[in-house]
């Protein structure tokens, strides 16, 4: 059974900033990047607008998604609602084009950031970018230079808020000292809990919001994927160690834990996974991605699921007995994280 959102979508504020958004956002990457084959563009514009109509005000994209086409899609879809929504986008990757075998390269030189912001403003059809994240920390560019460049862009009125993605605690602190960081975006879910060790305590101390991407484990925590599931050959999950058939079979135990709670709550597995995240901190705003209206409505409904202390304890106790199998990324991508 799917819990439906009852009434108006709850809202949350990203840390100590004044940036208020819906408790659940929408990650738009999969509409034109990573999860091929891609749906019809007009269908995705309709889906994004349906999200707005249902109370979603927080949308996530990046220059590198496509590349470029995802920002164009989000920009076109949200133009009629510009005053109602918050759009987060990202800089710091030199895009790899479809058909190229390499992953995109990191590049956060100040001149590249300034070039990126102009392109993003045009594609998103906005006068200022609400939330501008460094997509991954570039070890070749001091984070103070990155933060200083974004600070200049904020003073110029081209950017409103600064964010970081998959950054380590020291980097977050150094950046925050130059230009206050509004949000950090990193992977976080019941099957990737690394942020709990250092990142979440630091964000709480500094008053920075947290935006979990892949809050449903790239689809695994929906309960709709098992060891026999096959993906399109261009789907990037084929390259992820955690998605080998053997790992999926072993990791099913985590889904079973969520399913037990979901049945009691008359909710879905995905809704419990999202509700668990929302219950961790009031300044956490997950951004599940989807390309289907029914999944969008299911995800939004998670904001109405109230987990009790006993529910959370049950999930924690069971999850602590389970070892998640498989790395979350190939080694060449994992090296970019937590710097």
C-alpha atoms as a PDB file:
ATOM      1  CA  UNK A   1       0.000   0.000   0.000  1.00  0.00           C
ATOM      2  CA  UNK A   2       1.254   3.507  -0.830  1.00  0.00           C
ATOM      3  CA  UNK A   3       0.917   6.203   1.792  1.00  0.00           C
ATOM      4  CA  UNK A   4      -0.416   9.370   0.216  1.00  0.00           C
ATOM      5  CA  UNK A   5       0.726  12.807   1.205  1.00  0.00           C
ATOM      6  CA  UNK A   6      -2.093  14.236   3.305  1.00  0.00           C
ATOM      7  CA  UNK A   7      -2.434  17.926   2.732  1.00  0.00           C
ATOM      8  CA  UNK A   8       0.353  20.355   2.015  1.00  0.00           C
ATOM      9  CA  UNK A   9       3.936  19.160   1.605  1.00  0.00           C
ATOM     10  CA  UNK A  10       6.017  19.786   4.732  1.00  0.00           C
ATOM     11  CA  UNK A  11       8.883  22.245   4.402  1.00  0.00           C
ATOM     12  CA  UNK A  12      12.387  22.316   5.815  1.00  0.00           C
ATOM     13  CA  UNK A  13      15.189  24.871   6.008  1.00  0.00           C
ATOM     14  CA  UNK A  14      18.722  24.054   4.874  1.00  0.00           C
ATOM     15  CA  UNK A  15      20.728  24.548   8.053  1.00  0.00           C
ATOM     16  CA  UNK A  16      20.945  28.098   9.406  1.00  0.00           C
ATOM     17  CA  UNK A  17      20.337  29.601   5.976  1.00  0.00           C
ATOM     18  CA  UNK A  18      17.043  31.182   4.997  1.00  0.00           C
ATOM     19  CA  UNK A  19      16.632  28.679   2.167  1.00  0.00           C
ATOM     20  CA  UNK A  20      13.349  26.880   2.757  1.00  0.00           C
ATOM     21  CA  UNK A  21      12.383  23.975   0.510  1.00  0.00           C
ATOM     22  CA  UNK A  22       9.967  21.045   0.408  1.00  0.00           C
ATOM     23  CA  UNK A  23      10.893  18.211   2.795  1.00  0.00           C
ATOM     24  CA  UNK A  24      11.485  15.992  -0.247  1.00  0.00           C
ATOM     25  CA  UNK A  25      13.047  17.306  -3.445  1.00  0.00           C
ATOM     26  CA  UNK A  26      13.353  15.843  -6.922  1.00  0.00           C
ATOM     27  CA  UNK A  27      16.649  14.682  -8.395  1.00  0.00           C
ATOM     28  CA  UNK A  28      16.415  15.185 -12.152  1.00  0.00           C
ATOM     29  CA  UNK A  29      19.665  13.503 -13.286  1.00  0.00           C
ATOM     30  CA  UNK A  30      18.087  10.241 -14.449  1.00  0.00           C
ATOM     31  CA  UNK A  31      15.787  12.047 -16.867  1.00  0.00           C
ATOM     32  CA  UNK A  32      18.686  12.516 -19.284  1.00  0.00           C
ATOM     33  CA  UNK A  33      21.817  10.950 -17.767  1.00  0.00           C
ATOM     34  CA  UNK A  34      23.135   7.642 -16.344  1.00  0.00           C
ATOM     35  CA  UNK A  35      19.911   5.607 -16.517  1.00  0.00           C
ATOM     36  CA  UNK A  36      19.467   4.964 -20.251  1.00  0.00           C
ATOM     37  CA  UNK A  37      17.260   4.579 -22.235  1.00  0.00           C
ATOM     38  CA  UNK A  38      15.883   8.068 -21.575  1.00  0.00           C
ATOM     39  CA  UNK A  39      12.208   8.979 -21.700  1.00  0.00           C
ATOM     40  CA  UNK A  40      10.557  11.543 -23.931  1.00  0.00           C
ATOM     41  CA  UNK A  41      11.585  15.110 -23.061  1.00  0.00           C
ATOM     42  CA  UNK A  42       7.998  16.432 -22.988  1.00  0.00           C
ATOM     43  CA  UNK A  43       7.013  13.646 -20.605  1.00  0.00           C
ATOM     44  CA  UNK A  44       9.780  14.736 -18.233  1.00  0.00           C
ATOM     45  CA  UNK A  45       8.734  18.391 -18.439  1.00  0.00           C
ATOM     46  CA  UNK A  46       5.216  17.266 -17.487  1.00  0.00           C
ATOM     47  CA  UNK A  47       6.609  15.181 -14.610  1.00  0.00           C
ATOM     48  CA  UNK A  48       8.648  18.091 -13.197  1.00  0.00           C
ATOM     49  CA  UNK A  49       5.576  20.340 -13.399  1.00  0.00           C
ATOM     50  CA  UNK A  50       3.470  17.640 -11.733  1.00  0.00           C
ATOM     51  CA  UNK A  51       5.983  17.671  -8.878  1.00  0.00           C
ATOM     52  CA  UNK A  52       5.502  21.421  -8.434  1.00  0.00           C
ATOM     53  CA  UNK A  53       1.726  20.979  -8.415  1.00  0.00           C
ATOM     54  CA  UNK A  54       2.143  18.414  -5.624  1.00  0.00           C
ATOM     55  CA  UNK A  55       4.213  20.744  -3.449  1.00  0.00           C
ATOM     56  CA  UNK A  56       7.804  19.914  -4.431  1.00  0.00           C
ATOM     57  CA  UNK A  57       9.876  23.106  -4.499  1.00  0.00           C
ATOM     58  CA  UNK A  58      13.453  21.735  -4.601  1.00  0.00           C
ATOM     59  CA  UNK A  59      14.974  20.468  -7.867  1.00  0.00           C
ATOM     60  CA  UNK A  60      18.465  19.132  -8.495  1.00  0.00           C
ATOM     61  CA  UNK A  61      20.486  19.126 -11.707  1.00  0.00           C
ATOM     62  CA  UNK A  62      24.093  19.711 -12.895  1.00  0.00           C
ATOM     63  CA  UNK A  63      26.031  20.976 -15.883  1.00  0.00           C
ATOM     64  CA  UNK A  64      27.546  17.523 -16.423  1.00  0.00           C
ATOM     65  CA  UNK A  65      24.178  15.697 -16.638  1.00  0.00           C
ATOM     66  CA  UNK A  66      23.679  15.130 -20.336  1.00  0.00           C
ATOM     67  CA  UNK A  67      25.979  17.058 -20.524  1.00  0.00           C
ATOM     68  CA  UNK A  68      23.968  20.294 -20.523  1.00  0.00           C
ATOM     69  CA  UNK A  69      20.634  18.789 -21.585  1.00  0.00           C
ATOM     70  CA  UNK A  70      19.425  18.195 -18.025  1.00  0.00           C
ATOM     71  CA  UNK A  71      19.783  21.852 -17.061  1.00  0.00           C
ATOM     72  CA  UNK A  72      17.938  22.815 -20.252  1.00  0.00           C
ATOM     73  CA  UNK A  73      15.124  20.395 -19.390  1.00  0.00           C
ATOM     74  CA  UNK A  74      14.813  21.647 -15.810  1.00  0.00           C
ATOM     75  CA  UNK A  75      14.987  25.263 -16.953  1.00  0.00           C
ATOM     76  CA  UNK A  76      12.202  24.863 -19.479  1.00  0.00           C
ATOM     77  CA  UNK A  77       9.998  22.867 -17.107  1.00  0.00           C
ATOM     78  CA  UNK A  78      10.297  25.322 -14.215  1.00  0.00           C
ATOM     79  CA  UNK A  79      10.157  28.666 -16.029  1.00  0.00           C
ATOM     80  CA  UNK A  80       6.403  29.106 -15.266  1.00  0.00           C
ATOM     81  CA  UNK A  81       7.077  28.486 -11.541  1.00  0.00           C
ATOM     82  CA  UNK A  82      10.302  30.409 -11.098  1.00  0.00           C
ATOM     83  CA  UNK A  83       9.221  32.305  -7.983  1.00  0.00           C
ATOM     84  CA  UNK A  84       7.973  29.143  -6.259  1.00  0.00           C
ATOM     85  CA  UNK A  85      10.969  26.838  -6.648  1.00  0.00           C
ATOM     86  CA  UNK A  86      14.619  26.393  -5.673  1.00  0.00           C
ATOM     87  CA  UNK A  87      17.008  24.901  -8.240  1.00  0.00           C
ATOM     88  CA  UNK A  88      20.354  23.432  -7.268  1.00  0.00           C
ATOM     89  CA  UNK A  89      22.980  22.886  -9.965  1.00  0.00           C
ATOM     90  CA  UNK A  90      26.670  21.996  -9.923  1.00  0.00           C
ATOM     91  CA  UNK A  91      30.030  23.001 -11.372  1.00  0.00           C
ATOM     92  CA  UNK A  92      33.460  21.413 -11.397  1.00  0.00           C
ATOM     93  CA  UNK A  93      33.284  18.698 -14.044  1.00  0.00           C
ATOM     94  CA  UNK A  94      34.510  18.943 -17.613  1.00  0.00           C
ATOM     95  CA  UNK A  95      31.737  16.902 -19.217  1.00  0.00           C
ATOM     96  CA  UNK A  96      32.323  13.638 -21.038  1.00  0.00           C
ATOM     97  CA  UNK A  97      30.053  13.351 -24.038  1.00  0.00           C
ATOM     98  CA  UNK A  98      27.821  10.387 -24.895  1.00  0.00           C
ATOM     99  CA  UNK A  99      29.944   7.722 -26.539  1.00  0.00           C
ATOM    100  CA  UNK A 100      33.129   8.710 -24.701  1.00  0.00           C
ATOM    101  CA  UNK A 101      34.568   5.985 -22.525  1.00  0.00           C
ATOM    102  CA  UNK A 102      36.135   8.270 -19.900  1.00  0.00           C
ATOM    103  CA  UNK A 103      34.408   9.652 -16.852  1.00  0.00           C
ATOM    104  CA  UNK A 104      34.221  13.438 -16.803  1.00  0.00           C
ATOM    105  CA  UNK A 105      37.301  15.240 -15.461  1.00  0.00           C
ATOM    106  CA  UNK A 106      37.450  17.544 -12.453  1.00  0.00           C
ATOM    107  CA  UNK A 107      38.035  21.241 -13.082  1.00  0.00           C
ATOM    108  CA  UNK A 108      37.209  23.862 -10.449  1.00  0.00           C
ATOM    109  CA  UNK A 109      39.620  26.590 -11.564  1.00  0.00           C
ATOM    110  CA  UNK A 110      38.073  30.014 -10.879  1.00  0.00           C
ATOM    111  CA  UNK A 111      37.908  30.847 -14.600  1.00  0.00           C
ATOM    112  CA  UNK A 112      36.088  27.568 -15.256  1.00  0.00           C
ATOM    113  CA  UNK A 113      33.581  28.269 -12.461  1.00  0.00           C
ATOM    114  CA  UNK A 114      32.852  31.709 -13.939  1.00  0.00           C
ATOM    115  CA  UNK A 115      32.405  30.150 -17.372  1.00  0.00           C
ATOM    116  CA  UNK A 116      30.095  27.470 -15.965  1.00  0.00           C
ATOM    117  CA  UNK A 117      27.832  29.906 -14.155  1.00  0.00           C
ATOM    118  CA  UNK A 118      27.104  31.828 -17.359  1.00  0.00           C
ATOM    119  CA  UNK A 119      26.121  28.626 -19.198  1.00  0.00           C
ATOM    120  CA  UNK A 120      23.985  27.394 -16.305  1.00  0.00           C
ATOM    121  CA  UNK A 121      22.134  30.715 -16.028  1.00  0.00           C
ATOM    122  CA  UNK A 122      21.208  30.525 -19.717  1.00  0.00           C
ATOM    123  CA  UNK A 123      20.192  26.870 -19.698  1.00  0.00           C
ATOM    124  CA  UNK A 124      18.147  27.204 -16.502  1.00  0.00           C
ATOM    125  CA  UNK A 125      16.604  30.462 -17.800  1.00  0.00           C
ATOM    126  CA  UNK A 126      17.214  32.214 -14.480  1.00  0.00           C
ATOM    127  CA  UNK A 127      18.753  35.496 -13.333  1.00  0.00           C
ATOM    128  CA  UNK A 128      20.515  33.857 -10.385  1.00  0.00           C
ATOM    129  CA  UNK A 129      21.309  30.283  -9.390  1.00  0.00           C
ATOM    130  CA  UNK A 130      19.634  29.409  -6.085  1.00  0.00           C
ATOM    131  CA  UNK A 131      22.189  26.838  -4.943  1.00  0.00           C
ATOM    132  CA  UNK A 132      25.534  26.337  -6.706  1.00  0.00           C
ATOM    133  CA  UNK A 133      27.422  23.219  -5.604  1.00  0.00           C
ATOM    134  CA  UNK A 134      30.977  22.199  -6.323  1.00  0.00           C
ATOM    135  CA  UNK A 135      30.193  18.787  -7.834  1.00  0.00           C
ATOM    136  CA  UNK A 136      33.334  17.098  -6.510  1.00  0.00           C
ATOM    137  CA  UNK A 137      36.347  18.514  -4.695  1.00  0.00           C
ATOM    138  CA  UNK A 138      39.170  19.282  -7.138  1.00  0.00           C
ATOM    139  CA  UNK A 139      42.510  18.479  -5.425  1.00  0.00           C
ATOM    140  CA  UNK A 140      44.347  20.767  -7.865  1.00  0.00           C
ATOM    141  CA  UNK A 141      42.474  23.897  -6.740  1.00  0.00           C
ATOM    142  CA  UNK A 142      42.548  25.124  -3.110  1.00  0.00           C
ATOM    143  CA  UNK A 143      39.008  25.078  -1.728  1.00  0.00           C
ATOM    144  CA  UNK A 144      39.542  28.660  -0.529  1.00  0.00           C
ATOM    145  CA  UNK A 145      39.875  29.724  -4.183  1.00  0.00           C
ATOM    146  CA  UNK A 146      36.678  27.873  -5.073  1.00  0.00           C
ATOM    147  CA  UNK A 147      34.734  29.378  -2.161  1.00  0.00           C
ATOM    148  CA  UNK A 148      36.155  32.812  -2.915  1.00  0.00           C
ATOM    149  CA  UNK A 149      35.053  32.594  -6.536  1.00  0.00           C
ATOM    150  CA  UNK A 150      31.514  31.608  -5.519  1.00  0.00           C
ATOM    151  CA  UNK A 151      31.537  34.423  -2.948  1.00  0.00           C
ATOM    152  CA  UNK A 152      32.297  36.860  -5.785  1.00  0.00           C
ATOM    153  CA  UNK A 153      29.448  35.383  -7.850  1.00  0.00           C
ATOM    154  CA  UNK A 154      27.092  35.831  -4.890  1.00  0.00           C
ATOM    155  CA  UNK A 155      28.163  39.471  -4.559  1.00  0.00           C
ATOM    156  CA  UNK A 156      27.556  39.918  -8.294  1.00  0.00           C
ATOM    157  CA  UNK A 157      24.024  38.551  -7.853  1.00  0.00           C
ATOM    158  CA  UNK A 158      24.584  35.520 -10.107  1.00  0.00           C
ATOM    159  CA  UNK A 159      24.415  32.954  -7.290  1.00  0.00           C
ATOM    160  CA  UNK A 160      22.392  32.954  -4.055  1.00  0.00           C
ATOM    161  CA  UNK A 161      23.805  30.020  -2.047  1.00  0.00           C
ATOM    162  CA  UNK A 162      27.004  27.926  -2.045  1.00  0.00           C
ATOM    163  CA  UNK A 163      27.053  24.140  -1.724  1.00  0.00           C
ATOM    164  CA  UNK A 164      29.533  21.261  -1.750  1.00  0.00           C
ATOM    165  CA  UNK A 165      29.042  17.676  -2.898  1.00  0.00           C
ATOM    166  CA  UNK A 166      30.809  14.613  -1.469  1.00  0.00           C
ATOM    167  CA  UNK A 167      33.301  16.810   0.399  1.00  0.00           C
ATOM    168  CA  UNK A 168      35.232  15.757   3.499  1.00  0.00           C
ATOM    169  CA  UNK A 169      34.939  17.557   6.828  1.00  0.00           C
ATOM    170  CA  UNK A 170      38.179  19.558   6.601  1.00  0.00           C
ATOM    171  CA  UNK A 171      37.238  20.807   3.137  1.00  0.00           C
ATOM    172  CA  UNK A 172      33.782  21.792   4.375  1.00  0.00           C
ATOM    173  CA  UNK A 173      35.273  23.752   7.282  1.00  0.00           C
ATOM    174  CA  UNK A 174      37.832  25.546   5.089  1.00  0.00           C
ATOM    175  CA  UNK A 175      35.203  26.461   2.484  1.00  0.00           C
ATOM    176  CA  UNK A 176      32.703  27.604   5.121  1.00  0.00           C
ATOM    177  CA  UNK A 177      35.297  29.984   6.618  1.00  0.00           C
ATOM    178  CA  UNK A 178      35.526  31.837   3.274  1.00  0.00           C
ATOM    179  CA  UNK A 179      31.901  31.695   2.133  1.00  0.00           C
ATOM    180  CA  UNK A 180      29.183  30.158   4.343  1.00  0.00           C
ATOM    181  CA  UNK A 181      28.068  26.814   2.927  1.00  0.00           C
ATOM    182  CA  UNK A 182      24.295  26.431   2.794  1.00  0.00           C
ATOM    183  CA  UNK A 183      24.154  22.721   1.900  1.00  0.00           C
ATOM    184  CA  UNK A 184      26.314  19.657   1.469  1.00  0.00           C
ATOM    185  CA  UNK A 185      25.077  16.991  -0.912  1.00  0.00           C
ATOM    186  CA  UNK A 186      26.379  13.446  -0.535  1.00  0.00           C
ATOM    187  CA  UNK A 187      25.093   9.931  -0.867  1.00  0.00           C
ATOM    188  CA  UNK A 188      23.269   8.815   2.250  1.00  0.00           C
ATOM    189  CA  UNK A 189      20.790   6.038   2.885  1.00  0.00           C
ATOM    190  CA  UNK A 190      20.426   2.927   4.995  1.00  0.00           C
ATOM    191  CA  UNK A 191      22.910   1.185   2.738  1.00  0.00           C
ATOM    192  CA  UNK A 192      25.484   4.009   2.651  1.00  0.00           C
ATOM    193  CA  UNK A 193      25.904   5.539   6.081  1.00  0.00           C
ATOM    194  CA  UNK A 194      29.436   6.957   5.885  1.00  0.00           C
ATOM    195  CA  UNK A 195      28.275  10.596   6.453  1.00  0.00           C
ATOM    196  CA  UNK A 196      27.159   9.692   9.981  1.00  0.00           C
ATOM    197  CA  UNK A 197      30.732   9.331  11.262  1.00  0.00           C
ATOM    198  CA  UNK A 198      32.057  12.858  10.675  1.00  0.00           C
ATOM    199  CA  UNK A 199      30.055  14.840   8.136  1.00  0.00           C
ATOM    200  CA  UNK A 200      26.667  15.037   9.870  1.00  0.00           C
ATOM    201  CA  UNK A 201      28.113  16.133  13.260  1.00  0.00           C
ATOM    202  CA  UNK A 202      30.169  18.850  11.513  1.00  0.00           C
ATOM    203  CA  UNK A 203      27.140  20.084   9.556  1.00  0.00           C
ATOM    204  CA  UNK A 204      25.092  20.268  12.741  1.00  0.00           C
ATOM    205  CA  UNK A 205      27.846  22.272  14.435  1.00  0.00           C
ATOM    206  CA  UNK A 206      28.220  24.671  11.489  1.00  0.00           C
ATOM    207  CA  UNK A 207      24.512  25.019  10.711  1.00  0.00           C
ATOM    208  CA  UNK A 208      24.710  23.549   7.202  1.00  0.00           C
ATOM    209  CA  UNK A 209      21.858  21.610   5.561  1.00  0.00           C
ATOM    210  CA  UNK A 210      22.327  18.106   4.169  1.00  0.00           C
ATOM    211  CA  UNK A 211      20.916  16.861   0.868  1.00  0.00           C
ATOM    212  CA  UNK A 212      21.185  13.073   0.437  1.00  0.00           C
ATOM    213  CA  UNK A 213      21.372  11.911  -3.163  1.00  0.00           C
ATOM    214  CA  UNK A 214      20.582   8.293  -4.024  1.00  0.00           C
ATOM    215  CA  UNK A 215      18.409   8.139  -0.874  1.00  0.00           C
ATOM    216  CA  UNK A 216      16.856   4.971  -2.305  1.00  0.00           C
ATOM    217  CA  UNK A 217      20.194   3.360  -3.106  1.00  0.00           C
ATOM    218  CA  UNK A 218      19.938   3.957  -6.878  1.00  0.00           C
ATOM    219  CA  UNK A 219      16.631   2.117  -6.818  1.00  0.00           C
ATOM    220  CA  UNK A 220      17.642  -0.827  -4.657  1.00  0.00           C
ATOM    221  CA  UNK A 221      15.808   0.358  -1.525  1.00  0.00           C
ATOM    222  CA  UNK A 222      12.503   0.451  -3.381  1.00  0.00           C
ATOM    223  CA  UNK A 223      12.273  -3.321  -3.072  1.00  0.00           C
ATOM    224  CA  UNK A 224      11.744  -3.542  -6.840  1.00  0.00           C
ATOM    225  CA  UNK A 225      15.243  -4.865  -7.670  1.00  0.00           C
ATOM    226  CA  UNK A 226      16.589  -8.341  -6.947  1.00  0.00           C
ATOM    227  CA  UNK A 227      19.434 -10.544  -8.174  1.00  0.00           C
ATOM    228  CA  UNK A 228      17.577 -11.434 -11.387  1.00  0.00           C
ATOM    229  CA  UNK A 229      16.871  -7.823 -12.432  1.00  0.00           C
ATOM    230  CA  UNK A 230      18.564  -6.826 -15.674  1.00  0.00           C
ATOM    231  CA  UNK A 231      19.500  -3.253 -16.602  1.00  0.00           C
ATOM    232  CA  UNK A 232      19.846  -1.644 -20.012  1.00  0.00           C
ATOM    233  CA  UNK A 233      23.437  -2.207 -21.163  1.00  0.00           C
ATOM    234  CA  UNK A 234      24.155   1.548 -20.998  1.00  0.00           C
ATOM    235  CA  UNK A 235      22.761   1.846 -17.422  1.00  0.00           C
ATOM    236  CA  UNK A 236      25.655   2.852 -15.170  1.00  0.00           C
ATOM    237  CA  UNK A 237      24.549   0.436 -12.434  1.00  0.00           C
ATOM    238  CA  UNK A 238      26.147  -2.312 -14.550  1.00  0.00           C
ATOM    239  CA  UNK A 239      29.529  -0.832 -13.534  1.00  0.00           C
ATOM    240  CA  UNK A 240      28.771  -0.610  -9.810  1.00  0.00           C
ATOM    241  CA  UNK A 241      30.156  -3.444  -7.616  1.00  0.00           C
ATOM    242  CA  UNK A 242      27.160  -3.183  -5.280  1.00  0.00           C
ATOM    243  CA  UNK A 243      24.878  -4.107  -8.186  1.00  0.00           C
ATOM    244  CA  UNK A 244      26.432  -7.425  -9.168  1.00  0.00           C
ATOM    245  CA  UNK A 245      23.817 -10.197  -8.921  1.00  0.00           C
ATOM    246  CA  UNK A 246      25.684 -11.714  -5.959  1.00  0.00           C
ATOM    247  CA  UNK A 247      25.750  -8.402  -4.067  1.00  0.00           C
ATOM    248  CA  UNK A 248      22.086  -7.751  -4.819  1.00  0.00           C
ATOM    249  CA  UNK A 249      21.169 -11.149  -3.445  1.00  0.00           C
ATOM    250  CA  UNK A 250      23.144 -10.551  -0.246  1.00  0.00           C
ATOM    251  CA  UNK A 251      21.843  -6.995   0.190  1.00  0.00           C
ATOM    252  CA  UNK A 252      18.220  -8.103  -0.029  1.00  0.00           C
ATOM    253  CA  UNK A 253      18.319  -8.533   3.755  1.00  0.00           C
ATOM    254  CA  UNK A 254      18.251  -4.753   4.156  1.00  0.00           C
ATOM    255  CA  UNK A 255      15.146  -4.461   1.986  1.00  0.00           C
ATOM    256  CA  UNK A 256      13.492  -7.170   4.081  1.00  0.00           C
ATOM    257  CA  UNK A 257      14.008  -5.057   7.222  1.00  0.00           C
ATOM    258  CA  UNK A 258      12.286  -2.082   5.579  1.00  0.00           C
ATOM    259  CA  UNK A 259       9.514  -4.283   4.241  1.00  0.00           C
ATOM    260  CA  UNK A 260       8.642  -5.459   7.756  1.00  0.00           C
ATOM    261  CA  UNK A 261       8.191  -1.876   8.962  1.00  0.00           C
ATOM    262  CA  UNK A 262       6.390  -0.878   5.750  1.00  0.00           C
ATOM    263  CA  UNK A 263       3.731  -3.531   6.288  1.00  0.00           C
ATOM    264  CA  UNK A 264       3.018  -2.250   9.807  1.00  0.00           C
ATOM    265  CA  UNK A 265       2.845   1.345   8.618  1.00  0.00           C
ATOM    266  CA  UNK A 266       0.775   0.557   5.528  1.00  0.00           C
ATOM    267  CA  UNK A 267       3.492   2.207   3.465  1.00  0.00           C
ATOM    268  CA  UNK A 268       5.935   1.055   0.780  1.00  0.00           C
ATOM    269  CA  UNK A 269       9.551  -0.012   1.240  1.00  0.00           C
ATOM    270  CA  UNK A 270      10.729   3.157  -0.517  1.00  0.00           C
ATOM    271  CA  UNK A 271       8.601   5.347   1.747  1.00  0.00           C
ATOM    272  CA  UNK A 272      10.123   3.796   4.871  1.00  0.00           C
ATOM    273  CA  UNK A 273      13.643   4.294   3.465  1.00  0.00           C
ATOM    274  CA  UNK A 274      12.887   7.996   2.882  1.00  0.00           C
ATOM    275  CA  UNK A 275      11.038   8.436   6.180  1.00  0.00           C
ATOM    276  CA  UNK A 276      14.064   6.976   7.994  1.00  0.00           C
ATOM    277  CA  UNK A 277      16.255   9.664   6.407  1.00  0.00           C
ATOM    278  CA  UNK A 278      13.802  12.447   7.299  1.00  0.00           C
ATOM    279  CA  UNK A 279      13.776  11.196  10.896  1.00  0.00           C
ATOM    280  CA  UNK A 280      17.553  11.514  11.273  1.00  0.00           C
ATOM    281  CA  UNK A 281      17.733  15.341  11.349  1.00  0.00           C
ATOM    282  CA  UNK A 282      15.245  18.172  10.644  1.00  0.00           C
ATOM    283  CA  UNK A 283      17.731  19.773   8.204  1.00  0.00           C
ATOM    284  CA  UNK A 284      18.032  16.711   5.937  1.00  0.00           C
ATOM    285  CA  UNK A 285      16.240  17.003   2.585  1.00  0.00           C
ATOM    286  CA  UNK A 286      16.499  13.886   0.361  1.00  0.00           C
ATOM    287  CA  UNK A 287      16.252  14.238  -3.416  1.00  0.00           C
ATOM    288  CA  UNK A 288      15.037  10.902  -4.819  1.00  0.00           C
ATOM    289  CA  UNK A 289      15.005  10.786  -8.599  1.00  0.00           C
ATOM    290  CA  UNK A 290      12.257   9.244 -10.687  1.00  0.00           C
ATOM    291  CA  UNK A 291      10.794   9.314 -14.183  1.00  0.00           C
ATOM    292  CA  UNK A 292       7.343   7.971 -13.305  1.00  0.00           C
ATOM    293  CA  UNK A 293       4.406   9.872 -11.852  1.00  0.00           C
ATOM    294  CA  UNK A 294       3.373   7.008  -9.563  1.00  0.00           C
ATOM    295  CA  UNK A 295       6.896   6.835  -8.099  1.00  0.00           C
ATOM    296  CA  UNK A 296       6.931  10.613  -7.649  1.00  0.00           C
ATOM    297  CA  UNK A 297       3.685  10.419  -5.699  1.00  0.00           C
ATOM    298  CA  UNK A 298       5.006   7.498  -3.671  1.00  0.00           C
ATOM    299  CA  UNK A 299       8.168   9.420  -2.761  1.00  0.00           C
ATOM    300  CA  UNK A 300       6.238  12.559  -1.842  1.00  0.00           C
ATOM    301  CA  UNK A 301       3.992  10.421   0.368  1.00  0.00           C
ATOM    302  CA  UNK A 302       7.021   9.495   2.491  1.00  0.00           C
ATOM    303  CA  UNK A 303       6.895  12.963   4.063  1.00  0.00           C
ATOM    304  CA  UNK A 304       3.583  11.960   5.669  1.00  0.00           C
ATOM    305  CA  UNK A 305       4.981   8.732   7.194  1.00  0.00           C
ATOM    306  CA  UNK A 306       5.719   9.202  10.900  1.00  0.00           C
ATOM    307  CA  UNK A 307       8.228   6.739  12.273  1.00  0.00           C
ATOM    308  CA  UNK A 308       8.104   6.262  16.040  1.00  0.00           C
ATOM    309  CA  UNK A 309      11.184   5.864  18.222  1.00  0.00           C
ATOM    310  CA  UNK A 310      10.402   2.130  18.320  1.00  0.00           C
ATOM    311  CA  UNK A 311      10.200   1.948  14.521  1.00  0.00           C
ATOM    312  CA  UNK A 312      13.589   3.611  14.184  1.00  0.00           C
ATOM    313  CA  UNK A 313      15.079   1.366  16.860  1.00  0.00           C
ATOM    314  CA  UNK A 314      13.734  -1.697  15.058  1.00  0.00           C
ATOM    315  CA  UNK A 315      15.329  -0.579  11.792  1.00  0.00           C
ATOM    316  CA  UNK A 316      18.633   0.291  13.511  1.00  0.00           C
ATOM    317  CA  UNK A 317      18.865  -2.973  15.419  1.00  0.00           C
ATOM    318  CA  UNK A 318      18.155  -5.083  12.351  1.00  0.00           C
ATOM    319  CA  UNK A 319      20.377  -3.031  10.033  1.00  0.00           C
ATOM    320  CA  UNK A 320      23.310  -3.246  12.453  1.00  0.00           C
ATOM    321  CA  UNK A 321      23.334  -7.034  11.966  1.00  0.00           C
ATOM    322  CA  UNK A 322      23.638  -6.720   8.179  1.00  0.00           C
ATOM    323  CA  UNK A 323      26.837  -6.207   6.207  1.00  0.00           C
ATOM    324  CA  UNK A 324      26.209  -4.463   2.900  1.00  0.00           C
ATOM    325  CA  UNK A 325      28.097  -6.184   0.078  1.00  0.00           C
ATOM    326  CA  UNK A 326      29.928  -4.434  -2.755  1.00  0.00           C
ATOM    327  CA  UNK A 327      31.545  -1.013  -3.187  1.00  0.00           C
ATOM    328  CA  UNK A 328      29.151   1.822  -3.982  1.00  0.00           C
ATOM    329  CA  UNK A 329      31.233   3.049  -6.957  1.00  0.00           C
ATOM    330  CA  UNK A 330      34.018   1.784  -9.196  1.00  0.00           C
ATOM    331  CA  UNK A 331      37.436   2.735  -7.766  1.00  0.00           C
ATOM    332  CA  UNK A 332      38.056   5.507 -10.325  1.00  0.00           C
ATOM    333  CA  UNK A 333      34.929   7.315  -9.165  1.00  0.00           C
ATOM    334  CA  UNK A 334      35.211   6.603  -5.440  1.00  0.00           C
ATOM    335  CA  UNK A 335      38.577   8.376  -5.382  1.00  0.00           C
ATOM    336  CA  UNK A 336      36.739  11.672  -6.004  1.00  0.00           C
ATOM    337  CA  UNK A 337      34.743  11.475  -2.800  1.00  0.00           C
ATOM    338  CA  UNK A 338      35.274  12.609   0.802  1.00  0.00           C
ATOM    339  CA  UNK A 339      38.262  14.842   0.013  1.00  0.00           C
END
